[in-house]
Protein backbone atom coordinates (compact mmCIF):
# COMPACT_ATOMS: atom_id res chain seq x y z
CA MET A 1 40.74 -22.64 16.14
CA LYS A 2 38.01 -25.35 15.05
CA LYS A 3 35.47 -23.54 17.20
CA TYR A 4 36.24 -20.17 15.41
CA THR A 5 35.95 -21.71 11.87
CA LEU A 6 32.61 -23.08 12.78
CA LEU A 7 31.73 -19.70 14.09
CA PHE A 8 32.57 -17.96 11.15
CA SER A 9 30.94 -20.62 9.05
CA ALA A 10 27.78 -19.96 10.61
CA ILE A 11 27.99 -16.32 10.40
CA LEU A 12 28.74 -16.46 6.63
CA LEU A 13 25.89 -18.84 5.99
CA THR A 14 23.44 -16.44 7.75
CA CYS A 15 24.96 -13.43 5.83
CA THR A 16 24.46 -15.52 2.50
CA TYR A 17 20.97 -16.55 3.41
CA THR A 18 20.01 -12.83 4.18
CA LEU A 19 21.48 -11.40 1.30
CA ALA A 20 20.21 -14.06 -0.87
CA GLN A 21 16.74 -13.54 -0.26
CA GLU A 22 14.50 -12.29 -2.89
CA GLN A 23 11.24 -10.08 -2.53
CA VAL A 24 7.89 -11.96 -2.63
CA PHE A 25 4.54 -10.58 -3.47
CA PRO A 26 1.97 -12.79 -1.95
CA VAL A 27 -1.16 -10.78 -2.59
CA ILE A 28 -0.28 -7.78 -4.42
CA LYS A 29 1.66 -8.79 -7.54
CA ASN A 30 4.44 -6.63 -8.76
CA TYR A 31 3.94 -3.92 -6.01
CA GLY A 32 5.07 -3.81 -2.50
CA GLY A 33 7.55 -6.61 -2.27
CA ILE A 34 8.58 -7.96 0.97
CA TYR A 35 10.85 -10.51 2.59
CA ASP A 36 9.53 -13.74 4.39
CA MET A 37 10.89 -13.72 7.83
CA PRO A 38 10.55 -17.33 9.03
CA SER A 39 12.81 -16.39 12.22
CA ALA A 40 10.35 -13.79 13.21
CA THR A 41 8.97 -14.36 16.84
CA VAL A 42 6.60 -11.41 16.91
CA LYS A 43 4.02 -12.06 13.98
CA PRO A 44 0.47 -10.86 13.20
CA ASP A 45 -2.46 -12.89 14.62
CA HIS A 46 -3.75 -15.41 12.17
CA GLU A 47 -7.07 -15.11 13.20
CA GLY A 48 -7.85 -11.55 12.08
CA PRO A 49 -10.05 -9.71 10.91
CA TYR A 50 -7.60 -6.90 10.28
CA LYS A 51 -9.56 -3.63 9.68
CA ILE A 52 -7.34 -0.81 8.70
CA VAL A 53 -8.18 2.66 7.30
CA VAL A 54 -5.19 4.26 5.81
CA ASP A 55 -4.99 8.35 5.63
CA VAL A 56 -2.94 8.49 2.38
CA VAL A 57 -1.55 12.10 1.95
CA SER A 58 2.16 11.98 1.21
CA ARG A 59 3.56 12.66 -2.15
CA GLU A 60 7.09 13.57 -2.58
CA GLU A 61 7.77 11.95 -5.73
CA GLY A 62 7.79 13.27 -9.28
CA PRO A 63 4.72 12.81 -11.81
CA SER A 64 6.62 9.77 -13.36
CA GLU A 65 7.39 7.91 -10.24
CA LEU A 66 5.16 5.78 -8.10
CA SER A 67 3.99 7.23 -4.65
CA TYR A 68 6.11 5.30 -1.92
CA SER A 69 2.62 5.74 0.20
CA LEU A 70 0.57 3.70 -2.30
CA VAL A 71 3.53 0.94 -2.51
CA ASN A 72 3.13 1.08 1.09
CA VAL A 73 -0.23 0.00 1.29
CA ALA A 74 0.76 -3.09 -1.10
CA ARG A 75 3.71 -3.81 1.40
CA LEU A 76 1.01 -3.80 4.26
CA ILE A 77 -1.07 -6.13 2.76
CA ASN A 78 1.67 -8.27 1.56
CA LEU A 79 3.41 -8.31 5.07
CA HIS A 80 0.28 -9.67 6.80
CA ALA A 81 -0.09 -12.17 4.41
CA VAL A 82 3.46 -13.41 4.71
CA GLY A 83 2.92 -13.44 8.34
CA GLY A 84 0.04 -16.00 7.97
CA VAL A 85 -3.08 -13.90 7.91
CA ASP A 86 -5.59 -15.05 5.14
CA PRO A 87 -5.99 -12.02 2.72
CA LYS A 88 -9.73 -12.49 3.16
CA ASN A 89 -9.35 -11.32 6.71
CA ILE A 90 -7.31 -8.08 5.72
CA LYS A 91 -9.82 -5.38 5.11
CA VAL A 92 -8.30 -1.97 4.24
CA VAL A 93 -9.89 1.12 3.07
CA LEU A 94 -7.84 4.14 1.60
CA ALA A 95 -8.74 7.55 2.35
CA ILE A 96 -6.80 9.48 -0.25
CA HIS A 97 -6.39 13.37 -0.01
CA GLY A 98 -4.29 16.24 -0.28
CA PRO A 99 -1.40 16.01 -3.06
CA MET A 100 -2.18 12.36 -3.45
CA ALA A 101 -5.28 13.24 -5.01
CA LEU A 102 -3.35 14.01 -8.32
CA THR A 103 -2.68 10.41 -8.40
CA VAL A 104 -6.28 9.21 -9.03
CA MET A 105 -6.70 11.09 -12.40
CA ASN A 106 -7.19 8.79 -15.29
CA ASN A 107 -4.45 8.37 -17.77
CA ASP A 108 -5.74 11.35 -20.25
CA ALA A 109 -6.15 13.85 -17.34
CA TYR A 110 -2.87 12.88 -15.81
CA LYS A 111 -0.87 13.37 -18.86
CA GLN A 112 -2.57 16.41 -20.08
CA LYS A 113 -1.50 17.87 -16.51
CA PHE A 114 2.16 16.27 -16.47
CA GLY A 115 3.12 15.13 -19.80
CA VAL A 116 3.42 11.48 -18.77
CA ASP A 117 1.32 8.46 -18.23
CA ASN A 118 -0.16 8.01 -14.70
CA PRO A 119 2.07 5.33 -13.03
CA HIS A 120 -0.39 4.65 -10.30
CA THR A 121 -3.13 3.27 -12.57
CA ASP A 122 -1.87 -0.27 -12.45
CA LEU A 123 -1.15 -0.27 -8.94
CA TYR A 124 -4.58 1.08 -7.90
CA LYS A 125 -6.05 -1.74 -10.30
CA ALA A 126 -3.92 -4.35 -8.31
CA LEU A 127 -5.27 -2.95 -4.84
CA GLY A 128 -8.95 -2.79 -5.96
CA GLU A 129 -8.37 -6.49 -7.28
CA ALA A 130 -6.95 -7.51 -3.79
CA GLY A 131 -10.24 -6.08 -2.10
CA VAL A 132 -9.00 -2.63 -0.82
CA LYS A 133 -11.72 0.03 -0.91
CA ILE A 134 -10.11 3.20 -2.53
CA THR A 135 -11.66 6.37 -1.81
CA ILE A 136 -10.72 9.96 -2.74
CA CYS A 137 -11.76 13.08 -0.81
CA GLY A 138 -14.25 15.19 -2.86
CA GLN A 139 -12.87 18.28 -1.22
CA SER A 140 -9.31 17.58 -2.40
CA LEU A 141 -10.86 16.94 -6.00
CA ILE A 142 -12.30 20.24 -6.09
CA ALA A 143 -9.46 22.00 -4.56
CA ARG A 144 -7.35 20.57 -7.30
CA GLN A 145 -10.00 21.03 -9.98
CA ILE A 146 -10.17 17.32 -10.96
CA SER A 147 -13.47 16.59 -12.04
CA PRO A 148 -15.35 13.28 -11.13
CA ASP A 149 -15.18 11.96 -14.75
CA GLN A 150 -11.31 12.37 -14.38
CA VAL A 151 -11.06 9.74 -11.69
CA LEU A 152 -9.91 6.33 -12.22
CA GLU A 153 -12.59 3.54 -12.70
CA GLY A 154 -12.90 1.75 -9.26
CA ILE A 155 -11.93 4.60 -6.92
CA GLU A 156 -15.06 6.13 -4.97
CA ILE A 157 -15.58 9.80 -4.27
CA ALA A 158 -16.29 10.45 -0.55
CA THR A 159 -17.24 13.61 0.97
CA SER A 160 -14.00 14.00 2.67
CA MET A 161 -11.06 12.03 4.04
CA LEU A 162 -11.98 13.28 7.40
CA THR A 163 -15.61 11.88 7.38
CA THR A 164 -14.36 8.74 5.67
CA VAL A 165 -11.63 8.17 8.57
CA THR A 166 -14.03 8.94 11.45
CA THR A 167 -16.86 6.75 9.98
CA TYR A 168 -14.54 3.86 9.49
CA GLN A 169 -12.97 4.35 13.11
CA LEU A 170 -16.47 4.35 14.65
CA ASN A 171 -16.73 1.03 12.80
CA GLY A 172 -13.74 -0.70 14.39
CA TYR A 173 -10.85 0.13 11.93
CA VAL A 174 -7.58 1.20 13.13
CA LEU A 175 -5.96 4.32 11.53
CA LEU A 176 -2.48 4.51 9.89
CA LYS A 177 -1.07 7.41 8.05
CA PHE A 178 1.08 7.17 5.06
């Protein structure tokens, strides 16, 4: 009986610890919250450098909601940091295109188009402050009739997503698609 009580107590303690954990934001504050996993045995290489180009195209959310794809970029950086990688060793480039092009519009243009403030503005700013290079496909801007002066400050206009991805891959960046 004592053995079962001890086992039950251990299971209860483990469940309580897991459920009581709060999200942390080690690099990108307020976005991409993650959980520390001290018991993980598979962790990122602390030495780095991590060179990642992210093809950001998915956008299923409504105009007043944050895109999960962008939040996932914040998670990517926060997860590497909580895994022990120095944020200086995480180099991320975003190659935004397709329907995600609408998220790079400045607040005035976004509000005119959708009737709400752009919920992505602060997240883009936080990503940029963390050293993420943010590019928007020029072809996507033209296709969606977004002029360069309507693009948020800090976002660079690229010839295309395709040339951005291939250029960075030739320079040793791994490709992720969100």
